[in-house]
Amino acid sequence: MSYVLGHNQYGKAEIHVVRVFRDDASAPHDLVDYNVSVSLTGDFADAHITGDQAKVLTTDACKNTVNSFAKEAGEAVREPESFGLALANHFVDDVPQVSGARIIIEAFPWQRAHGHPHAFVKNGDYVRTATVTKNAAGTTVVSGLKELTVLKTTDSEFHGFYQDRYTTLQPTNDRIMATAVTAQWAHEGVDVQWAESFAAVKDAITSSFAKAYSYALQATLWEMGTAVLDAASDVSEIRFSCPNKHHFVLDLSPFGVENNCEVHHADDRPYGLIEATIKRSEDVDATGAYDPGQAW
């Protein structure tokens, strides 16, 4: 029987590198804090089938490349998208047997402590993400964020839903709605002002969440997605994955206490998980830009 090697990839995962920008002794310091993962595809069949490692760029070399490029790539390091592009271009253009590279970066935000030139406080409000893919089909960039927790205490309802004999949820016209937003958005090219684009998308997400009356989390994703496409012309589509962070009104009547949607139990699981993609048009197909693991 003849067997065939299917899709394969390898690399180094979760290379945590912090770069301090301190080239000008008189200027305030800046820093970036990245968790970088590298995946490579190419002419590596022999490594699997015969055990010949002659063409394998070691995963240790991938780690060393990321660490060195944190200095070598200069100003490109300041944004995760441009840093990812620099790395992807190197692996595909400079290593002959590599035909595809995907760089996934988590960027952990820091902010200055009381305006001090070299003291910082970690901002735990969200994690910024970037996925850069380069292969024979071209180069794509997906920006994103995760762990952005948002909540509104009213202007949210949920009723009129389909009911069967297992349905116990009671309709409501007034509720807390909360979620932890994971969003990824594909860009139409790579010539983008990354910091400005990210700021515009994040502001569109949070402002539309705050302003829109919500008939369901599904409707809120639509509002946030269309706001993003209005705010950022370089974005072709945005994908959301948002859990319902349920807040249930507690029954305090056994204690003789009236509870008018004021005291809640925050329940972490199980939770509803709502996901949706909002595209600029039906013609948009950014499937290959995202990271599906073994599927790409």
C-alpha atoms as a PDB file:
ATOM      1  CA  MET A   1       0.000   0.000   0.000  1.00  0.00           C
ATOM      2  CA  SER A   2       1.277   3.468  -0.926  1.00  0.00           C
ATOM      3  CA  TYR A   3       0.867   6.333   1.508  1.00  0.00           C
ATOM      4  CA  VAL A   4       1.022  10.070   0.866  1.00  0.00           C
ATOM      5  CA  LEU A   5       2.154  12.826   3.188  1.00  0.00           C
ATOM      6  CA  GLY A   6      -0.522  15.489   3.494  1.00  0.00           C
ATOM      7  CA  HIS A   7      -0.326  19.040   4.734  1.00  0.00           C
ATOM      8  CA  ASN A   8       2.467  19.596   7.220  1.00  0.00           C
ATOM      9  CA  GLN A   9       3.933  22.610   8.958  1.00  0.00           C
ATOM     10  CA  TYR A  10       6.279  23.331  11.796  1.00  0.00           C
ATOM     11  CA  GLY A  11       7.835  26.228  13.650  1.00  0.00           C
ATOM     12  CA  LYS A  12       8.345  27.775  17.064  1.00  0.00           C
ATOM     13  CA  ALA A  13       5.406  28.787  19.221  1.00  0.00           C
ATOM     14  CA  GLU A  14       5.058  31.548  21.807  1.00  0.00           C
ATOM     15  CA  ILE A  15       8.373  33.359  21.604  1.00  0.00           C
ATOM     16  CA  HIS A  16       7.926  36.083  24.205  1.00  0.00           C
ATOM     17  CA  VAL A  17      10.083  39.065  23.319  1.00  0.00           C
ATOM     18  CA  VAL A  18      10.067  42.603  24.727  1.00  0.00           C
ATOM     19  CA  ARG A  19      11.744  45.408  22.777  1.00  0.00           C
ATOM     20  CA  VAL A  20      12.654  48.696  24.452  1.00  0.00           C
ATOM     21  CA  PHE A  21      13.207  51.664  22.151  1.00  0.00           C
ATOM     22  CA  ARG A  22      15.976  53.659  23.798  1.00  0.00           C
ATOM     23  CA  ASP A  23      18.140  54.799  20.864  1.00  0.00           C
ATOM     24  CA  ASP A  24      17.905  58.475  21.818  1.00  0.00           C
ATOM     25  CA  ALA A  25      19.235  58.902  25.352  1.00  0.00           C
ATOM     26  CA  SER A  26      17.290  62.125  25.838  1.00  0.00           C
ATOM     27  CA  ALA A  27      13.918  60.806  24.632  1.00  0.00           C
ATOM     28  CA  PRO A  28      11.316  58.877  26.663  1.00  0.00           C
ATOM     29  CA  HIS A  29      11.503  55.127  26.234  1.00  0.00           C
ATOM     30  CA  ASP A  30       8.884  53.122  24.328  1.00  0.00           C
ATOM     31  CA  LEU A  31       8.347  49.392  24.470  1.00  0.00           C
ATOM     32  CA  VAL A  32       6.484  46.598  22.744  1.00  0.00           C
ATOM     33  CA  ASP A  33       5.666  43.248  24.344  1.00  0.00           C
ATOM     34  CA  TYR A  34       5.033  40.422  21.866  1.00  0.00           C
ATOM     35  CA  ASN A  35       4.251  36.716  21.970  1.00  0.00           C
ATOM     36  CA  VAL A  36       5.260  35.454  18.513  1.00  0.00           C
ATOM     37  CA  SER A  37       4.498  32.098  16.878  1.00  0.00           C
ATOM     38  CA  VAL A  38       6.052  31.014  13.571  1.00  0.00           C
ATOM     39  CA  SER A  39       4.730  28.286  11.241  1.00  0.00           C
ATOM     40  CA  LEU A  40       6.581  27.260   8.087  1.00  0.00           C
ATOM     41  CA  THR A  41       5.590  25.160   5.076  1.00  0.00           C
ATOM     42  CA  GLY A  42       7.753  24.057   2.183  1.00  0.00           C
ATOM     43  CA  ASP A  43      10.001  21.268   0.955  1.00  0.00           C
ATOM     44  CA  PHE A  44      10.097  19.260   4.176  1.00  0.00           C
ATOM     45  CA  ALA A  45       8.705  15.897   3.077  1.00  0.00           C
ATOM     46  CA  ASP A  46      12.019  14.099   3.599  1.00  0.00           C
ATOM     47  CA  ALA A  47      12.082  15.078   7.249  1.00  0.00           C
ATOM     48  CA  HIS A  48       8.879  13.089   7.718  1.00  0.00           C
ATOM     49  CA  ILE A  49       9.314  10.204   5.277  1.00  0.00           C
ATOM     50  CA  THR A  50      13.035   9.379   5.439  1.00  0.00           C
ATOM     51  CA  GLY A  51      14.149  11.264   8.546  1.00  0.00           C
ATOM     52  CA  ASP A  52      16.522  13.453   6.505  1.00  0.00           C
ATOM     53  CA  GLN A  53      16.703  16.845   8.219  1.00  0.00           C
ATOM     54  CA  ALA A  54      18.958  18.547   5.645  1.00  0.00           C
ATOM     55  CA  LYS A  55      16.333  21.126   4.672  1.00  0.00           C
ATOM     56  CA  VAL A  56      14.863  21.730   8.120  1.00  0.00           C
ATOM     57  CA  LEU A  57      15.457  25.192   9.494  1.00  0.00           C
ATOM     58  CA  THR A  58      15.493  24.423  13.205  1.00  0.00           C
ATOM     59  CA  THR A  59      12.761  25.746  15.427  1.00  0.00           C
ATOM     60  CA  ASP A  60      15.564  27.154  17.578  1.00  0.00           C
ATOM     61  CA  ALA A  61      16.669  29.209  14.554  1.00  0.00           C
ATOM     62  CA  CYS A  62      13.080  30.464  14.219  1.00  0.00           C
ATOM     63  CA  LYS A  63      13.232  31.642  17.832  1.00  0.00           C
ATOM     64  CA  ASN A  64      16.615  33.300  17.298  1.00  0.00           C
ATOM     65  CA  THR A  65      15.348  35.030  14.164  1.00  0.00           C
ATOM     66  CA  VAL A  66      12.386  36.526  16.013  1.00  0.00           C
ATOM     67  CA  ASN A  67      14.603  37.743  18.837  1.00  0.00           C
ATOM     68  CA  SER A  68      17.183  39.238  16.501  1.00  0.00           C
ATOM     69  CA  PHE A  69      14.581  40.843  14.231  1.00  0.00           C
ATOM     70  CA  ALA A  70      13.211  42.616  17.327  1.00  0.00           C
ATOM     71  CA  LYS A  71      16.293  44.818  16.809  1.00  0.00           C
ATOM     72  CA  GLU A  72      17.145  44.262  13.129  1.00  0.00           C
ATOM     73  CA  ALA A  73      13.679  45.200  11.821  1.00  0.00           C
ATOM     74  CA  GLY A  74      13.976  48.705  13.290  1.00  0.00           C
ATOM     75  CA  GLU A  75      10.821  50.813  13.204  1.00  0.00           C
ATOM     76  CA  ALA A  76       8.801  47.898  11.794  1.00  0.00           C
ATOM     77  CA  VAL A  77       8.908  46.354  15.256  1.00  0.00           C
ATOM     78  CA  ARG A  78       6.665  49.089  16.673  1.00  0.00           C
ATOM     79  CA  GLU A  79       3.510  47.525  15.193  1.00  0.00           C
ATOM     80  CA  PRO A  80       2.720  43.783  15.288  1.00  0.00           C
ATOM     81  CA  GLU A  81       1.522  43.779  11.664  1.00  0.00           C
ATOM     82  CA  SER A  82       4.714  45.333  10.268  1.00  0.00           C
ATOM     83  CA  PHE A  83       6.882  43.126  12.497  1.00  0.00           C
ATOM     84  CA  GLY A  84       5.004  40.072  11.235  1.00  0.00           C
ATOM     85  CA  LEU A  85       5.507  41.193   7.639  1.00  0.00           C
ATOM     86  CA  ALA A  86       9.249  41.591   8.179  1.00  0.00           C
ATOM     87  CA  LEU A  87       9.482  38.082   9.618  1.00  0.00           C
ATOM     88  CA  ALA A  88       7.302  36.439   6.951  1.00  0.00           C
ATOM     89  CA  ASN A  89       9.266  38.118   4.150  1.00  0.00           C
ATOM     90  CA  HIS A  90      12.533  36.877   5.640  1.00  0.00           C
ATOM     91  CA  PHE A  91      11.483  33.254   6.024  1.00  0.00           C
ATOM     92  CA  VAL A  92       9.965  32.980   2.525  1.00  0.00           C
ATOM     93  CA  ASP A  93      12.450  35.151   0.614  1.00  0.00           C
ATOM     94  CA  ASP A  94      15.699  34.168   2.347  1.00  0.00           C
ATOM     95  CA  VAL A  95      15.246  30.452   3.174  1.00  0.00           C
ATOM     96  CA  PRO A  96      15.048  28.607  -0.188  1.00  0.00           C
ATOM     97  CA  GLN A  97      13.059  25.578   0.966  1.00  0.00           C
ATOM     98  CA  VAL A  98      10.370  27.662   2.722  1.00  0.00           C
ATOM     99  CA  SER A  99       7.388  28.412   0.478  1.00  0.00           C
ATOM    100  CA  GLY A 100       4.963  29.679   3.100  1.00  0.00           C
ATOM    101  CA  ALA A 101       5.137  31.380   6.464  1.00  0.00           C
ATOM    102  CA  ARG A 102       2.479  32.353   8.932  1.00  0.00           C
ATOM    103  CA  ILE A 103       3.376  34.686  11.790  1.00  0.00           C
ATOM    104  CA  ILE A 104       0.921  35.044  14.665  1.00  0.00           C
ATOM    105  CA  ILE A 105       1.572  37.796  17.188  1.00  0.00           C
ATOM    106  CA  GLU A 106      -0.099  38.681  20.449  1.00  0.00           C
ATOM    107  CA  ALA A 107       0.738  42.233  21.526  1.00  0.00           C
ATOM    108  CA  PHE A 108       0.301  43.094  25.192  1.00  0.00           C
ATOM    109  CA  PRO A 109      -0.385  46.821  25.671  1.00  0.00           C
ATOM    110  CA  TRP A 110       1.529  48.931  28.177  1.00  0.00           C
ATOM    111  CA  GLN A 111       0.910  52.563  29.071  1.00  0.00           C
ATOM    112  CA  ARG A 112       3.073  55.163  30.746  1.00  0.00           C
ATOM    113  CA  ALA A 113       2.848  55.410  34.516  1.00  0.00           C
ATOM    114  CA  HIS A 114       1.807  58.998  35.274  1.00  0.00           C
ATOM    115  CA  GLY A 115       3.634  60.279  32.205  1.00  0.00           C
ATOM    116  CA  HIS A 116       6.996  58.998  33.433  1.00  0.00           C
ATOM    117  CA  PRO A 117       9.559  58.630  30.596  1.00  0.00           C
ATOM    118  CA  HIS A 118      10.540  55.048  31.442  1.00  0.00           C
ATOM    119  CA  ALA A 119       7.941  53.618  33.828  1.00  0.00           C
ATOM    120  CA  PHE A 120       4.960  51.648  32.534  1.00  0.00           C
ATOM    121  CA  VAL A 121       1.780  49.951  33.711  1.00  0.00           C
ATOM    122  CA  LYS A 122       0.471  46.911  31.848  1.00  0.00           C
ATOM    123  CA  ASN A 123      -2.943  47.497  30.301  1.00  0.00           C
ATOM    124  CA  GLY A 124      -4.993  44.362  30.852  1.00  0.00           C
ATOM    125  CA  ASP A 125      -8.091  45.601  29.019  1.00  0.00           C
ATOM    126  CA  TYR A 126      -7.395  43.566  25.870  1.00  0.00           C
ATOM    127  CA  VAL A 127      -4.721  41.766  23.834  1.00  0.00           C
ATOM    128  CA  ARG A 128      -3.937  42.991  20.328  1.00  0.00           C
ATOM    129  CA  THR A 129      -3.320  40.307  17.689  1.00  0.00           C
ATOM    130  CA  ALA A 130      -1.918  40.078  14.180  1.00  0.00           C
ATOM    131  CA  THR A 131      -1.632  37.196  11.715  1.00  0.00           C
ATOM    132  CA  VAL A 132       0.613  37.602   8.663  1.00  0.00           C
ATOM    133  CA  THR A 133       0.590  34.936   5.949  1.00  0.00           C
ATOM    134  CA  LYS A 134       2.929  34.810   2.969  1.00  0.00           C
ATOM    135  CA  ASN A 135       2.888  32.046   0.353  1.00  0.00           C
ATOM    136  CA  ALA A 136       2.518  31.548  -3.387  1.00  0.00           C
ATOM    137  CA  ALA A 137      -0.961  33.085  -3.282  1.00  0.00           C
ATOM    138  CA  GLY A 138       0.370  36.362  -1.890  1.00  0.00           C
ATOM    139  CA  THR A 139       0.670  38.166   1.417  1.00  0.00           C
ATOM    140  CA  THR A 140      -2.250  38.822   3.741  1.00  0.00           C
ATOM    141  CA  VAL A 141      -2.579  40.588   7.077  1.00  0.00           C
ATOM    142  CA  VAL A 142      -5.292  40.020   9.673  1.00  0.00           C
ATOM    143  CA  SER A 143      -5.396  42.349  12.657  1.00  0.00           C
ATOM    144  CA  GLY A 144      -7.388  41.662  15.772  1.00  0.00           C
ATOM    145  CA  LEU A 145      -8.021  41.885  19.456  1.00  0.00           C
ATOM    146  CA  LYS A 146      -9.234  39.527  22.169  1.00  0.00           C
ATOM    147  CA  GLU A 147     -10.304  39.638  25.803  1.00  0.00           C
ATOM    148  CA  LEU A 148     -11.991  43.029  25.324  1.00  0.00           C
ATOM    149  CA  THR A 149     -14.739  42.743  27.940  1.00  0.00           C
ATOM    150  CA  VAL A 150     -17.684  45.091  27.516  1.00  0.00           C
ATOM    151  CA  LEU A 151     -20.972  45.395  29.405  1.00  0.00           C
ATOM    152  CA  LYS A 152     -24.105  47.492  29.279  1.00  0.00           C
ATOM    153  CA  THR A 153     -26.600  47.596  32.128  1.00  0.00           C
ATOM    154  CA  THR A 154     -29.682  48.267  29.986  1.00  0.00           C
ATOM    155  CA  ASP A 155     -30.796  48.915  26.384  1.00  0.00           C
ATOM    156  CA  SER A 156     -30.702  45.165  25.801  1.00  0.00           C
ATOM    157  CA  GLU A 157     -33.539  42.698  25.466  1.00  0.00           C
ATOM    158  CA  PHE A 158     -34.113  39.140  24.309  1.00  0.00           C
ATOM    159  CA  HIS A 159     -37.540  37.784  23.497  1.00  0.00           C
ATOM    160  CA  GLY A 160     -39.642  36.377  20.674  1.00  0.00           C
ATOM    161  CA  PHE A 161     -37.274  33.440  20.259  1.00  0.00           C
ATOM    162  CA  TYR A 162     -38.289  29.971  19.079  1.00  0.00           C
ATOM    163  CA  GLN A 163     -39.450  27.694  21.872  1.00  0.00           C
ATOM    164  CA  ASP A 164     -39.653  23.927  22.122  1.00  0.00           C
ATOM    165  CA  ARG A 165     -40.346  21.617  25.061  1.00  0.00           C
ATOM    166  CA  TYR A 166     -36.779  22.086  26.355  1.00  0.00           C
ATOM    167  CA  THR A 167     -36.973  25.878  26.442  1.00  0.00           C
ATOM    168  CA  THR A 168     -36.927  27.302  29.956  1.00  0.00           C
ATOM    169  CA  LEU A 169     -35.359  30.712  29.400  1.00  0.00           C
ATOM    170  CA  GLN A 170     -37.789  33.521  30.175  1.00  0.00           C
ATOM    171  CA  PRO A 171     -38.122  36.428  27.724  1.00  0.00           C
ATOM    172  CA  THR A 172     -36.824  39.777  28.945  1.00  0.00           C
ATOM    173  CA  ASN A 173     -37.207  43.380  27.865  1.00  0.00           C
ATOM    174  CA  ASP A 174     -34.389  44.690  30.053  1.00  0.00           C
ATOM    175  CA  ARG A 175     -31.160  42.922  30.932  1.00  0.00           C
ATOM    176  CA  ILE A 176     -27.430  43.258  31.408  1.00  0.00           C
ATOM    177  CA  MET A 177     -25.556  42.302  28.262  1.00  0.00           C
ATOM    178  CA  ALA A 178     -21.860  41.522  28.516  1.00  0.00           C
ATOM    179  CA  THR A 179     -19.308  39.797  26.330  1.00  0.00           C
ATOM    180  CA  ALA A 180     -15.569  39.374  25.863  1.00  0.00           C
ATOM    181  CA  VAL A 181     -14.936  40.375  22.261  1.00  0.00           C
ATOM    182  CA  THR A 182     -12.581  38.415  20.059  1.00  0.00           C
ATOM    183  CA  ALA A 183     -12.400  40.079  16.666  1.00  0.00           C
ATOM    184  CA  GLN A 184     -10.188  39.581  13.635  1.00  0.00           C
ATOM    185  CA  TRP A 185     -10.315  41.758  10.545  1.00  0.00           C
ATOM    186  CA  ALA A 186      -8.690  41.226   7.167  1.00  0.00           C
ATOM    187  CA  HIS A 187      -7.041  44.088   5.294  1.00  0.00           C
ATOM    188  CA  GLU A 188      -7.316  44.614   1.563  1.00  0.00           C
ATOM    189  CA  GLY A 189      -3.549  45.179   1.256  1.00  0.00           C
ATOM    190  CA  VAL A 190      -0.364  45.559   3.263  1.00  0.00           C
ATOM    191  CA  ASP A 191       0.212  49.295   2.771  1.00  0.00           C
ATOM    192  CA  VAL A 192      -1.701  50.343   5.882  1.00  0.00           C
ATOM    193  CA  GLN A 193      -1.091  52.742   8.750  1.00  0.00           C
ATOM    194  CA  TRP A 194      -1.414  49.960  11.296  1.00  0.00           C
ATOM    195  CA  ALA A 195      -1.672  51.976  14.487  1.00  0.00           C
ATOM    196  CA  GLU A 196      -4.284  54.344  13.069  1.00  0.00           C
ATOM    197  CA  SER A 197      -6.296  51.509  11.552  1.00  0.00           C
ATOM    198  CA  PHE A 198      -6.300  49.525  14.798  1.00  0.00           C
ATOM    199  CA  ALA A 199      -7.374  52.564  16.808  1.00  0.00           C
ATOM    200  CA  ALA A 200     -10.221  53.275  14.381  1.00  0.00           C
ATOM    201  CA  VAL A 201     -11.505  49.686  14.509  1.00  0.00           C
ATOM    202  CA  LYS A 202     -11.290  49.409  18.288  1.00  0.00           C
ATOM    203  CA  ASP A 203     -13.121  52.709  18.707  1.00  0.00           C
ATOM    204  CA  ALA A 204     -15.816  51.614  16.245  1.00  0.00           C
ATOM    205  CA  ILE A 205     -16.358  48.375  18.166  1.00  0.00           C
ATOM    206  CA  THR A 206     -16.646  49.991  21.587  1.00  0.00           C
ATOM    207  CA  SER A 207     -18.647  53.044  20.521  1.00  0.00           C
ATOM    208  CA  SER A 208     -21.184  51.025  18.518  1.00  0.00           C
ATOM    209  CA  PHE A 209     -21.571  48.572  21.404  1.00  0.00           C
ATOM    210  CA  ALA A 210     -22.313  51.483  23.724  1.00  0.00           C
ATOM    211  CA  LYS A 211     -24.707  53.338  21.425  1.00  0.00           C
ATOM    212  CA  ALA A 212     -26.702  50.586  19.732  1.00  0.00           C
ATOM    213  CA  TYR A 213     -29.903  49.243  21.253  1.00  0.00           C
ATOM    214  CA  SER A 214     -29.464  45.485  21.391  1.00  0.00           C
ATOM    215  CA  TYR A 215     -32.219  43.035  20.492  1.00  0.00           C
ATOM    216  CA  ALA A 216     -29.711  40.175  20.861  1.00  0.00           C
ATOM    217  CA  LEU A 217     -25.954  39.709  20.829  1.00  0.00           C
ATOM    218  CA  GLN A 218     -26.308  38.666  17.177  1.00  0.00           C
ATOM    219  CA  ALA A 219     -27.717  42.092  16.334  1.00  0.00           C
ATOM    220  CA  THR A 220     -24.952  43.778  18.310  1.00  0.00           C
ATOM    221  CA  LEU A 221     -22.275  41.956  16.285  1.00  0.00           C
ATOM    222  CA  TRP A 222     -23.892  43.272  13.117  1.00  0.00           C
ATOM    223  CA  GLU A 223     -23.887  46.819  14.504  1.00  0.00           C
ATOM    224  CA  MET A 224     -20.236  46.553  15.541  1.00  0.00           C
ATOM    225  CA  GLY A 225     -19.177  45.002  12.236  1.00  0.00           C
ATOM    226  CA  THR A 226     -20.867  47.569  10.022  1.00  0.00           C
ATOM    227  CA  ALA A 227     -19.424  50.360  12.200  1.00  0.00           C
ATOM    228  CA  VAL A 228     -15.944  48.938  11.638  1.00  0.00           C
ATOM    229  CA  LEU A 229     -16.388  48.794   7.864  1.00  0.00           C
ATOM    230  CA  ASP A 230     -17.617  52.398   7.906  1.00  0.00           C
ATOM    231  CA  ALA A 231     -14.647  53.541  10.002  1.00  0.00           C
ATOM    232  CA  ALA A 232     -11.775  51.681   8.309  1.00  0.00           C
ATOM    233  CA  SER A 233     -11.686  51.682   4.506  1.00  0.00           C
ATOM    234  CA  ASP A 234      -8.748  49.236   4.428  1.00  0.00           C
ATOM    235  CA  VAL A 235     -10.760  46.479   6.158  1.00  0.00           C
ATOM    236  CA  SER A 236     -12.505  43.994   3.861  1.00  0.00           C
ATOM    237  CA  GLU A 237     -14.228  41.904   6.533  1.00  0.00           C
ATOM    238  CA  ILE A 238     -14.356  41.368  10.271  1.00  0.00           C
ATOM    239  CA  ARG A 239     -15.013  38.157  12.184  1.00  0.00           C
ATOM    240  CA  PHE A 240     -16.378  38.087  15.724  1.00  0.00           C
ATOM    241  CA  SER A 241     -16.429  35.363  18.343  1.00  0.00           C
ATOM    242  CA  CYS A 242     -18.282  36.586  21.418  1.00  0.00           C
ATOM    243  CA  PRO A 243     -19.395  34.597  24.453  1.00  0.00           C
ATOM    244  CA  ASN A 244     -22.459  35.668  26.378  1.00  0.00           C
ATOM    245  CA  LYS A 245     -21.250  36.635  29.843  1.00  0.00           C
ATOM    246  CA  HIS A 246     -24.549  35.887  31.527  1.00  0.00           C
ATOM    247  CA  HIS A 247     -25.849  38.002  34.393  1.00  0.00           C
ATOM    248  CA  PHE A 248     -28.972  36.509  35.944  1.00  0.00           C
ATOM    249  CA  VAL A 249     -31.290  38.586  38.112  1.00  0.00           C
ATOM    250  CA  LEU A 250     -31.402  37.035  41.580  1.00  0.00           C
ATOM    251  CA  ASP A 251     -34.691  36.267  43.265  1.00  0.00           C
ATOM    252  CA  LEU A 252     -34.495  38.066  46.611  1.00  0.00           C
ATOM    253  CA  SER A 253     -38.198  37.707  47.395  1.00  0.00           C
ATOM    254  CA  PRO A 254     -37.580  34.935  49.987  1.00  0.00           C
ATOM    255  CA  PHE A 255     -35.820  37.606  52.037  1.00  0.00           C
ATOM    256  CA  GLY A 256     -38.557  40.198  51.560  1.00  0.00           C
ATOM    257  CA  VAL A 257     -36.324  42.228  49.232  1.00  0.00           C
ATOM    258  CA  GLU A 258     -37.452  43.668  45.896  1.00  0.00           C
ATOM    259  CA  ASN A 259     -34.892  43.276  43.140  1.00  0.00           C
ATOM    260  CA  ASN A 260     -35.627  45.493  40.142  1.00  0.00           C
ATOM    261  CA  CYS A 261     -32.807  44.261  37.865  1.00  0.00           C
ATOM    262  CA  GLU A 262     -30.276  45.543  40.377  1.00  0.00           C
ATOM    263  CA  VAL A 263     -28.615  42.460  41.887  1.00  0.00           C
ATOM    264  CA  HIS A 264     -27.309  39.747  39.567  1.00  0.00           C
ATOM    265  CA  HIS A 265     -25.426  36.481  39.621  1.00  0.00           C
ATOM    266  CA  ALA A 266     -22.547  36.503  37.119  1.00  0.00           C
ATOM    267  CA  ASP A 267     -22.386  32.993  35.668  1.00  0.00           C
ATOM    268  CA  ASP A 268     -19.222  31.980  33.792  1.00  0.00           C
ATOM    269  CA  ARG A 269     -20.395  28.694  32.253  1.00  0.00           C
ATOM    270  CA  PRO A 270     -22.046  27.292  30.312  1.00  0.00           C
ATOM    271  CA  TYR A 271     -22.335  30.279  28.012  1.00  0.00           C
ATOM    272  CA  GLY A 272     -23.782  31.125  24.656  1.00  0.00           C
ATOM    273  CA  LEU A 273     -21.138  31.632  21.960  1.00  0.00           C
ATOM    274  CA  ILE A 274     -22.147  33.931  19.112  1.00  0.00           C
ATOM    275  CA  GLU A 275     -19.983  34.183  15.997  1.00  0.00           C
ATOM    276  CA  ALA A 276     -20.436  36.127  12.781  1.00  0.00           C
ATOM    277  CA  THR A 277     -18.558  37.571   9.819  1.00  0.00           C
ATOM    278  CA  ILE A 278     -19.491  40.957   8.358  1.00  0.00           C
ATOM    279  CA  LYS A 279     -18.061  41.535   4.879  1.00  0.00           C
ATOM    280  CA  ARG A 280     -17.826  44.591   2.677  1.00  0.00           C
ATOM    281  CA  SER A 281     -19.361  42.613  -0.192  1.00  0.00           C
ATOM    282  CA  GLU A 282     -20.185  39.089  -1.299  1.00  0.00           C
ATOM    283  CA  ASP A 283     -17.009  39.106  -3.393  1.00  0.00           C
ATOM    284  CA  VAL A 284     -14.724  39.231  -0.356  1.00  0.00           C
ATOM    285  CA  ASP A 285     -12.997  35.907   0.301  1.00  0.00           C
ATOM    286  CA  ALA A 286     -10.359  36.230   2.997  1.00  0.00           C
ATOM    287  CA  THR A 287     -10.505  32.621   4.164  1.00  0.00           C
ATOM    288  CA  GLY A 288      -6.805  31.969   3.576  1.00  0.00           C
ATOM    289  CA  ALA A 289      -5.790  35.002   5.597  1.00  0.00           C
ATOM    290  CA  TYR A 290      -6.896  33.516   8.896  1.00  0.00           C
ATOM    291  CA  ASP A 291      -5.159  30.831  10.908  1.00  0.00           C
ATOM    292  CA  PRO A 292      -7.105  27.549  10.746  1.00  0.00           C
ATOM    293  CA  GLY A 293      -4.169  25.468  11.939  1.00  0.00           C
ATOM    294  CA  GLN A 294      -3.737  22.266   9.945  1.00  0.00           C
ATOM    295  CA  ALA A 295      -6.319  23.295   7.396  1.00  0.00           C
ATOM    296  CA  TRP A 296      -4.309  25.995   5.614  1.00  0.00           C
END
